[in-house]
Amino acid sequence: TLKELIEKSRFFFLDRVEVNVGYKMVRKAF
């Protein structure tokens, strides 16, 4: 949906983002 599109793309509209270190894939990448 368009709302889901915005939710998944919210980072495009923010001044900065905070990395979610809780994701397993995030920990794996680093």
PDB file of all heavy atoms in Angstrom:
ATOM      1  N   THR A   1       0.840  -1.190   0.000  1.00  0.00           N
ATOM      2  CA  THR A   1       0.000   0.000   0.000  1.00  0.00           C
ATOM      3  C   THR A   1       0.876   1.241   0.000  1.00  0.00           C
ATOM      4  O   THR A   1       2.083   1.169   0.265  1.00  0.00           O
ATOM      5  CB  THR A   1      -0.905   0.047   1.247  1.00  0.00           C
ATOM      6  OG1 THR A   1      -0.086   0.273   2.405  1.00  0.00           O
ATOM      7  CG2 THR A   1      -1.679  -1.259   1.427  1.00  0.00           C
ATOM      8  N   LEU A   2       0.268   2.396  -0.261  1.00  0.00           N
ATOM      9  CA  LEU A   2       1.027   3.640  -0.238  1.00  0.00           C
ATOM     10  C   LEU A   2       1.524   3.957   1.173  1.00  0.00           C
ATOM     11  O   LEU A   2       2.622   4.486   1.345  1.00  0.00           O
ATOM     12  CB  LEU A   2       0.166   4.781  -0.777  1.00  0.00           C
ATOM     13  CG  LEU A   2      -0.177   4.694  -2.268  1.00  0.00           C
ATOM     14  CD1 LEU A   2      -1.056   5.868  -2.681  1.00  0.00           C
ATOM     15  CD2 LEU A   2       1.081   4.659  -3.126  1.00  0.00           C
ATOM     16  N   LYS A   3       0.728   3.649   2.175  1.00  0.00           N
ATOM     17  CA  LYS A   3       1.170   3.896   3.548  1.00  0.00           C
ATOM     18  C   LYS A   3       2.361   3.018   3.888  1.00  0.00           C
ATOM     19  O   LYS A   3       3.326   3.462   4.524  1.00  0.00           O
ATOM     20  CB  LYS A   3       0.026   3.641   4.530  1.00  0.00           C
ATOM     21  CG  LYS A   3       0.390   3.961   5.969  1.00  0.00           C
ATOM     22  CD  LYS A   3      -0.803   3.830   6.898  1.00  0.00           C
ATOM     23  CE  LYS A   3      -0.421   4.197   8.335  1.00  0.00           C
ATOM     24  NZ  LYS A   3      -1.583   4.101   9.251  1.00  0.00           N
ATOM     25  N   GLU A   4       2.299   1.754   3.479  1.00  0.00           N
ATOM     26  CA  GLU A   4       3.417   0.851   3.730  1.00  0.00           C
ATOM     27  C   GLU A   4       4.649   1.309   2.964  1.00  0.00           C
ATOM     28  O   GLU A   4       5.783   1.192   3.454  1.00  0.00           O
ATOM     29  CB  GLU A   4       3.027  -0.572   3.320  1.00  0.00           C
ATOM     30  CG  GLU A   4       4.021  -1.632   3.743  1.00  0.00           C
ATOM     31  CD  GLU A   4       3.548  -3.029   3.421  1.00  0.00           C
ATOM     32  OE1 GLU A   4       2.329  -3.271   3.470  1.00  0.00           O
ATOM     33  OE2 GLU A   4       4.404  -3.884   3.110  1.00  0.00           O
ATOM     34  N   LEU A   5       4.443   1.843   1.762  1.00  0.00           N
ATOM     35  CA  LEU A   5       5.554   2.378   0.984  1.00  0.00           C
ATOM     36  C   LEU A   5       6.260   3.495   1.746  1.00  0.00           C
ATOM     37  O   LEU A   5       7.485   3.559   1.815  1.00  0.00           O
ATOM     38  CB  LEU A   5       5.039   2.889  -0.369  1.00  0.00           C
ATOM     39  CG  LEU A   5       6.067   3.328  -1.418  1.00  0.00           C
ATOM     40  CD1 LEU A   5       5.466   3.169  -2.811  1.00  0.00           C
ATOM     41  CD2 LEU A   5       6.522   4.759  -1.232  1.00  0.00           C
ATOM     42  N   ILE A   6       5.468   4.383   2.352  1.00  0.00           N
ATOM     43  CA  ILE A   6       6.050   5.487   3.129  1.00  0.00           C
ATOM     44  C   ILE A   6       6.788   4.958   4.342  1.00  0.00           C
ATOM     45  O   ILE A   6       7.901   5.399   4.662  1.00  0.00           O
ATOM     46  CB  ILE A   6       4.959   6.486   3.552  1.00  0.00           C
ATOM     47  CG1 ILE A   6       4.352   7.159   2.310  1.00  0.00           C
ATOM     48  CG2 ILE A   6       5.521   7.543   4.504  1.00  0.00           C
ATOM     49  CD1 ILE A   6       3.122   7.985   2.611  1.00  0.00           C
ATOM     50  N   GLU A   7       6.183   3.985   5.035  1.00  0.00           N
ATOM     51  CA  GLU A   7       6.829   3.435   6.225  1.00  0.00           C
ATOM     52  C   GLU A   7       8.171   2.806   5.877  1.00  0.00           C
ATOM     53  O   GLU A   7       9.153   2.965   6.595  1.00  0.00           O
ATOM     54  CB  GLU A   7       5.917   2.397   6.887  1.00  0.00           C
ATOM     55  CG  GLU A   7       4.729   2.998   7.624  1.00  0.00           C
ATOM     56  CD  GLU A   7       5.170   3.941   8.718  1.00  0.00           C
ATOM     57  OE1 GLU A   7       6.080   3.592   9.495  1.00  0.00           O
ATOM     58  OE2 GLU A   7       4.613   5.054   8.795  1.00  0.00           O
ATOM     59  N   LYS A   8       8.230   2.080   4.782  1.00  0.00           N
ATOM     60  CA  LYS A   8       9.466   1.419   4.386  1.00  0.00           C
ATOM     61  C   LYS A   8      10.479   2.399   3.783  1.00  0.00           C
ATOM     62  O   LYS A   8      11.650   2.058   3.622  1.00  0.00           O
ATOM     63  CB  LYS A   8       9.167   0.297   3.387  1.00  0.00           C
ATOM     64  CG  LYS A   8       8.429  -0.888   3.992  1.00  0.00           C
ATOM     65  CD  LYS A   8       8.165  -1.944   2.952  1.00  0.00           C
ATOM     66  CE  LYS A   8       7.475  -3.167   3.567  1.00  0.00           C
ATOM     67  NZ  LYS A   8       8.342  -3.890   4.508  1.00  0.00           N
ATOM     68  N   SER A   9      10.028   3.595   3.441  1.00  0.00           N
ATOM     69  CA  SER A   9      10.908   4.597   2.818  1.00  0.00           C
ATOM     70  C   SER A   9      11.084   5.832   3.697  1.00  0.00           C
ATOM     71  O   SER A   9      11.585   6.852   3.233  1.00  0.00           O
ATOM     72  CB  SER A   9      10.332   5.018   1.454  1.00  0.00           C
ATOM     73  OG  SER A   9      10.092   3.901   0.640  1.00  0.00           O
ATOM     74  N   ARG A  10      10.671   5.727   4.954  1.00  0.00           N
ATOM     75  CA  ARG A  10      10.695   6.893   5.845  1.00  0.00           C
ATOM     76  C   ARG A  10      12.093   7.503   5.946  1.00  0.00           C
ATOM     77  O   ARG A  10      12.247   8.722   6.070  1.00  0.00           O
ATOM     78  CB  ARG A  10      10.191   6.475   7.222  1.00  0.00           C
ATOM     79  CG  ARG A  10      10.118   7.593   8.241  1.00  0.00           C
ATOM     80  CD  ARG A  10       9.492   7.097   9.533  1.00  0.00           C
ATOM     81  NE  ARG A  10       8.079   6.839   9.362  1.00  0.00           N
ATOM     82  CZ  ARG A  10       7.139   7.751   9.532  1.00  0.00           C
ATOM     83  NH1 ARG A  10       7.461   8.983   9.892  1.00  0.00           N
ATOM     84  NH2 ARG A  10       5.867   7.443   9.362  1.00  0.00           N
ATOM     85  N   PHE A  11      13.124   6.659   5.905  1.00  0.00           N
ATOM     86  CA  PHE A  11      14.490   7.156   6.075  1.00  0.00           C
ATOM     87  C   PHE A  11      14.877   8.168   4.999  1.00  0.00           C
ATOM     88  O   PHE A  11      15.765   8.984   5.202  1.00  0.00           O
ATOM     89  CB  PHE A  11      15.488   5.986   6.078  1.00  0.00           C
ATOM     90  CG  PHE A  11      15.485   5.165   4.817  1.00  0.00           C
ATOM     91  CD1 PHE A  11      16.223   5.546   3.707  1.00  0.00           C
ATOM     92  CD2 PHE A  11      14.721   4.007   4.750  1.00  0.00           C
ATOM     93  CE1 PHE A  11      16.222   4.785   2.559  1.00  0.00           C
ATOM     94  CE2 PHE A  11      14.713   3.243   3.592  1.00  0.00           C
ATOM     95  CZ  PHE A  11      15.465   3.631   2.489  1.00  0.00           C
ATOM     96  N   PHE A  12      14.203   8.134   3.851  1.00  0.00           N
ATOM     97  CA  PHE A  12      14.506   9.097   2.792  1.00  0.00           C
ATOM     98  C   PHE A  12      14.110  10.517   3.196  1.00  0.00           C
ATOM     99  O   PHE A  12      14.662  11.487   2.690  1.00  0.00           O
ATOM    100  CB  PHE A  12      13.760   8.735   1.502  1.00  0.00           C
ATOM    101  CG  PHE A  12      14.383   7.604   0.721  1.00  0.00           C
ATOM    102  CD1 PHE A  12      13.662   6.441   0.484  1.00  0.00           C
ATOM    103  CD2 PHE A  12      15.658   7.702   0.216  1.00  0.00           C
ATOM    104  CE1 PHE A  12      14.211   5.404  -0.245  1.00  0.00           C
ATOM    105  CE2 PHE A  12      16.232   6.661  -0.518  1.00  0.00           C
ATOM    106  CZ  PHE A  12      15.504   5.512  -0.741  1.00  0.00           C
ATOM    107  N   PHE A  13      13.143  10.632   4.084  1.00  0.00           N
ATOM    108  CA  PHE A  13      12.582  11.942   4.420  1.00  0.00           C
ATOM    109  C   PHE A  13      13.121  12.510   5.737  1.00  0.00           C
ATOM    110  O   PHE A  13      12.766  13.615   6.123  1.00  0.00           O
ATOM    111  CB  PHE A  13      11.054  11.838   4.505  1.00  0.00           C
ATOM    112  CG  PHE A  13      10.416  11.413   3.217  1.00  0.00           C
ATOM    113  CD1 PHE A  13      10.160  10.066   2.963  1.00  0.00           C
ATOM    114  CD2 PHE A  13      10.084  12.357   2.247  1.00  0.00           C
ATOM    115  CE1 PHE A  13       9.577   9.670   1.768  1.00  0.00           C
ATOM    116  CE2 PHE A  13       9.502  11.961   1.050  1.00  0.00           C
ATOM    117  CZ  PHE A  13       9.254  10.622   0.808  1.00  0.00           C
ATOM    118  N   LEU A  14      13.977  11.750   6.420  1.00  0.00           N
ATOM    119  CA  LEU A  14      14.514  12.189   7.705  1.00  0.00           C
ATOM    120  C   LEU A  14      15.852  12.892   7.541  1.00  0.00           C
ATOM    121  O   LEU A  14      16.613  12.618   6.608  1.00  0.00           O
ATOM    122  CB  LEU A  14      14.684  10.979   8.635  1.00  0.00           C
ATOM    123  CG  LEU A  14      13.416  10.163   8.926  1.00  0.00           C
ATOM    124  CD1 LEU A  14      13.762   8.936   9.757  1.00  0.00           C
ATOM    125  CD2 LEU A  14      12.369  11.017   9.620  1.00  0.00           C
ATOM    126  N   ASP A  15      16.158  13.806   8.487  1.00  0.00           N
ATOM    127  CA  ASP A  15      17.452  14.488   8.454  1.00  0.00           C
ATOM    128  C   ASP A  15      18.577  13.522   8.798  1.00  0.00           C
ATOM    129  O   ASP A  15      19.660  13.585   8.221  1.00  0.00           O
ATOM    130  CB  ASP A  15      17.458  15.665   9.447  1.00  0.00           C
ATOM    131  CG  ASP A  15      16.502  16.772   9.018  1.00  0.00           C
ATOM    132  OD1 ASP A  15      16.271  16.906   7.797  1.00  0.00           O
ATOM    133  OD2 ASP A  15      15.987  17.485   9.884  1.00  0.00           O
ATOM    134  N   ARG A  16      18.331  12.646   9.760  1.00  0.00           N
ATOM    135  CA  ARG A  16      19.310  11.610  10.119  1.00  0.00           C
ATOM    136  C   ARG A  16      18.552  10.362  10.572  1.00  0.00           C
ATOM    137  O   ARG A  16      17.346  10.436  10.842  1.00  0.00           O
ATOM    138  CB  ARG A  16      20.270  12.075  11.221  1.00  0.00           C
ATOM    139  CG  ARG A  16      19.640  12.273  12.577  1.00  0.00           C
ATOM    140  CD  ARG A  16      20.705  12.613  13.627  1.00  0.00           C
ATOM    141  NE  ARG A  16      21.687  11.574  13.800  1.00  0.00           N
ATOM    142  CZ  ARG A  16      21.545  10.516  14.631  1.00  0.00           C
ATOM    143  NH1 ARG A  16      20.436  10.387  15.356  1.00  0.00           N
ATOM    144  NH2 ARG A  16      22.489   9.609  14.747  1.00  0.00           N
ATOM    145  N   VAL A  17      19.245   9.248  10.618  1.00  0.00           N
ATOM    146  CA  VAL A  17      18.640   7.997  11.054  1.00  0.00           C
ATOM    147  C   VAL A  17      19.438   7.427  12.220  1.00  0.00           C
ATOM    148  O   VAL A  17      20.608   7.759  12.415  1.00  0.00           O
ATOM    149  CB  VAL A  17      18.586   6.960   9.910  1.00  0.00           C
ATOM    150  CG1 VAL A  17      17.678   7.422   8.795  1.00  0.00           C
ATOM    151  CG2 VAL A  17      19.981   6.647   9.395  1.00  0.00           C
ATOM    152  N   GLU A  18      18.783   6.578  12.990  1.00  0.00           N
ATOM    153  CA  GLU A  18      19.462   5.863  14.067  1.00  0.00           C
ATOM    154  C   GLU A  18      19.474   4.391  13.720  1.00  0.00           C
ATOM    155  O   GLU A  18      18.420   3.781  13.510  1.00  0.00           O
ATOM    156  CB  GLU A  18      18.746   6.098  15.391  1.00  0.00           C
ATOM    157  CG  GLU A  18      19.442   5.444  16.576  1.00  0.00           C
ATOM    158  CD  GLU A  18      18.788   5.804  17.898  1.00  0.00           C
ATOM    159  OE1 GLU A  18      18.796   7.000  18.259  1.00  0.00           O
ATOM    160  OE2 GLU A  18      18.255   4.875  18.563  1.00  0.00           O
ATOM    161  N   VAL A  19      20.661   3.832  13.631  1.00  0.00           N
ATOM    162  CA  VAL A  19      20.801   2.433  13.251  1.00  0.00           C
ATOM    163  C   VAL A  19      20.218   1.538  14.342  1.00  0.00           C
ATOM    164  O   VAL A  19      20.487   1.731  15.535  1.00  0.00           O
ATOM    165  CB  VAL A  19      22.276   2.075  13.007  1.00  0.00           C
ATOM    166  CG1 VAL A  19      22.421   0.561  12.774  1.00  0.00           C
ATOM    167  CG2 VAL A  19      22.811   2.833  11.806  1.00  0.00           C
ATOM    168  N   ASN A  20      19.409   0.571  13.928  1.00  0.00           N
ATOM    169  CA  ASN A  20      18.830  -0.395  14.861  1.00  0.00           C
ATOM    170  C   ASN A  20      19.804  -1.554  15.018  1.00  0.00           C
ATOM    171  O   ASN A  20      19.878  -2.454  14.172  1.00  0.00           O
ATOM    172  CB  ASN A  20      17.494  -0.888  14.322  1.00  0.00           C
ATOM    173  CG  ASN A  20      16.753  -1.771  15.315  1.00  0.00           C
ATOM    174  OD1 ASN A  20      17.340  -2.285  16.256  1.00  0.00           O
ATOM    175  ND2 ASN A  20      15.467  -1.937  15.094  1.00  0.00           N
ATOM    176  N   VAL A  21      20.573  -1.554  16.125  1.00  0.00           N
ATOM    177  CA  VAL A  21      21.586  -2.594  16.341  1.00  0.00           C
ATOM    178  C   VAL A  21      20.946  -3.905  16.795  1.00  0.00           C
ATOM    179  O   VAL A  21      21.649  -4.899  16.981  1.00  0.00           O
ATOM    180  CB  VAL A  21      22.639  -2.131  17.376  1.00  0.00           C
ATOM    181  CG1 VAL A  21      23.416  -0.942  16.845  1.00  0.00           C
ATOM    182  CG2 VAL A  21      21.978  -1.802  18.712  1.00  0.00           C
ATOM    183  N   GLY A  22      19.627  -3.912  16.963  1.00  0.00           N
ATOM    184  CA  GLY A  22      18.952  -5.141  17.376  1.00  0.00           C
ATOM    185  C   GLY A  22      18.783  -6.140  16.245  1.00  0.00           C
ATOM    186  O   GLY A  22      18.545  -7.321  16.486  1.00  0.00           O
ATOM    187  N   TYR A  23      18.880  -5.678  14.994  1.00  0.00           N
ATOM    188  CA  TYR A  23      18.731  -6.585  13.863  1.00  0.00           C
ATOM    189  C   TYR A  23      19.920  -7.542  13.778  1.00  0.00           C
ATOM    190  O   TYR A  23      21.080  -7.126  13.825  1.00  0.00           O
ATOM    191  CB  TYR A  23      18.650  -5.803  12.550  1.00  0.00           C
ATOM    192  CG  TYR A  23      17.309  -5.175  12.266  1.00  0.00           C
ATOM    193  CD1 TYR A  23      17.207  -3.801  12.049  1.00  0.00           C
ATOM    194  CD2 TYR A  23      16.157  -5.944  12.171  1.00  0.00           C
ATOM    195  CE1 TYR A  23      15.985  -3.212  11.762  1.00  0.00           C
ATOM    196  CE2 TYR A  23      14.934  -5.367  11.887  1.00  0.00           C
ATOM    197  CZ  TYR A  23      14.858  -4.004  11.692  1.00  0.00           C
ATOM    198  OH  TYR A  23      13.645  -3.421  11.411  1.00  0.00           O
ATOM    199  N   LYS A  24      19.636  -8.820  13.625  1.00  0.00           N
ATOM    200  CA  LYS A  24      20.690  -9.816  13.468  1.00  0.00           C
ATOM    201  C   LYS A  24      21.519  -9.527  12.220  1.00  0.00           C
ATOM    202  O   LYS A  24      22.764  -9.670  12.237  1.00  0.00           O
ATOM    203  CB  LYS A  24      20.068 -11.214  13.379  1.00  0.00           C
ATOM    204  CG  LYS A  24      21.081 -12.337  13.240  1.00  0.00           C
ATOM    205  CD  LYS A  24      20.388 -13.694  13.193  1.00  0.00           C
ATOM    206  CE  LYS A  24      21.406 -14.821  13.053  1.00  0.00           C
ATOM    207  NZ  LYS A  24      20.727 -16.165  13.010  1.00  0.00           N
ATOM    208  N   MET A  25      20.862  -9.097  11.149  1.00  0.00           N
ATOM    209  CA  MET A  25      21.580  -8.818   9.904  1.00  0.00           C
ATOM    210  C   MET A  25      22.488  -7.602  10.044  1.00  0.00           C
ATOM    211  O   MET A  25      23.509  -7.505   9.366  1.00  0.00           O
ATOM    212  CB  MET A  25      20.581  -8.606   8.761  1.00  0.00           C
ATOM    213  CG  MET A  25      19.815  -9.863   8.389  1.00  0.00           C
ATOM    214  SD  MET A  25      18.624  -9.591   7.052  1.00  0.00           S
ATOM    215  CE  MET A  25      19.744  -9.216   5.708  1.00  0.00           C
ATOM    216  N   VAL A  26      22.124  -6.666  10.932  1.00  0.00           N
ATOM    217  CA  VAL A  26      22.986  -5.513  11.191  1.00  0.00           C
ATOM    218  C   VAL A  26      24.249  -5.971  11.907  1.00  0.00           C
ATOM    219  O   VAL A  26      25.378  -5.599  11.548  1.00  0.00           O
ATOM    220  CB  VAL A  26      22.241  -4.449  12.017  1.00  0.00           C
ATOM    221  CG1 VAL A  26      23.203  -3.382  12.530  1.00  0.00           C
ATOM    222  CG2 VAL A  26      21.129  -3.817  11.194  1.00  0.00           C
ATOM    223  N   ARG A  27      24.072  -6.781  12.938  1.00  0.00           N
ATOM    224  CA  ARG A  27      25.231  -7.279  13.687  1.00  0.00           C
ATOM    225  C   ARG A  27      26.147  -8.108  12.801  1.00  0.00           C
ATOM    226  O   ARG A  27      27.376  -8.020  12.890  1.00  0.00           O
ATOM    227  CB  ARG A  27      24.749  -8.116  14.877  1.00  0.00           C
ATOM    228  CG  ARG A  27      23.914  -7.323  15.888  1.00  0.00           C
ATOM    229  CD  ARG A  27      23.801  -8.076  17.203  1.00  0.00           C
ATOM    230  NE  ARG A  27      23.134  -9.355  17.042  1.00  0.00           N
ATOM    231  CZ  ARG A  27      21.817  -9.521  17.132  1.00  0.00           C
ATOM    232  NH1 ARG A  27      21.023  -8.471  17.349  1.00  0.00           N
ATOM    233  NH2 ARG A  27      21.276 -10.718  16.987  1.00  0.00           N
ATOM    234  N   LYS A  28      25.545  -8.898  11.916  1.00  0.00           N
ATOM    235  CA  LYS A  28      26.336  -9.740  11.017  1.00  0.00           C
ATOM    236  C   LYS A  28      27.177  -8.900  10.064  1.00  0.00           C
ATOM    237  O   LYS A  28      28.336  -9.219   9.785  1.00  0.00           O
ATOM    238  CB  LYS A  28      25.402 -10.661  10.220  1.00  0.00           C
ATOM    239  CG  LYS A  28      26.125 -11.597   9.275  1.00  0.00           C
ATOM    240  CD  LYS A  28      25.129 -12.500   8.538  1.00  0.00           C
ATOM    241  CE  LYS A  28      25.857 -13.419   7.563  1.00  0.00           C
ATOM    242  NZ  LYS A  28      24.897 -14.293   6.824  1.00  0.00           N
ATOM    243  N   ALA A  29      26.594  -7.800   9.562  1.00  0.00           N
ATOM    244  CA  ALA A  29      27.309  -6.953   8.599  1.00  0.00           C
ATOM    245  C   ALA A  29      28.523  -6.275   9.215  1.00  0.00           C
ATOM    246  O   ALA A  29      29.473  -5.914   8.505  1.00  0.00           O
ATOM    247  CB  ALA A  29      26.361  -5.915   8.029  1.00  0.00           C
ATOM    248  N   PHE A  30      28.506  -6.090  10.555  1.00  0.00           N
ATOM    249  CA  PHE A  30      29.603  -5.395  11.223  1.00  0.00           C
ATOM    250  C   PHE A  30      30.397  -6.322  12.147  1.00  0.00           C
ATOM    251  O   PHE A  30      31.113  -5.861  13.040  1.00  0.00           O
ATOM    252  CB  PHE A  30      29.054  -4.202  12.016  1.00  0.00           C
ATOM    253  CG  PHE A  30      28.656  -3.053  11.151  1.00  0.00           C
ATOM    254  CD1 PHE A  30      27.386  -3.009  10.587  1.00  0.00           C
ATOM    255  CD2 PHE A  30      29.544  -2.032  10.860  1.00  0.00           C
ATOM    256  CE1 PHE A  30      27.002  -1.958   9.767  1.00  0.00           C
ATOM    257  CE2 PHE A  30      29.182  -0.974  10.043  1.00  0.00           C
ATOM    258  CZ  PHE A  30      27.905  -0.933   9.485  1.00  0.00           C
TER     259      PHE A  30
END
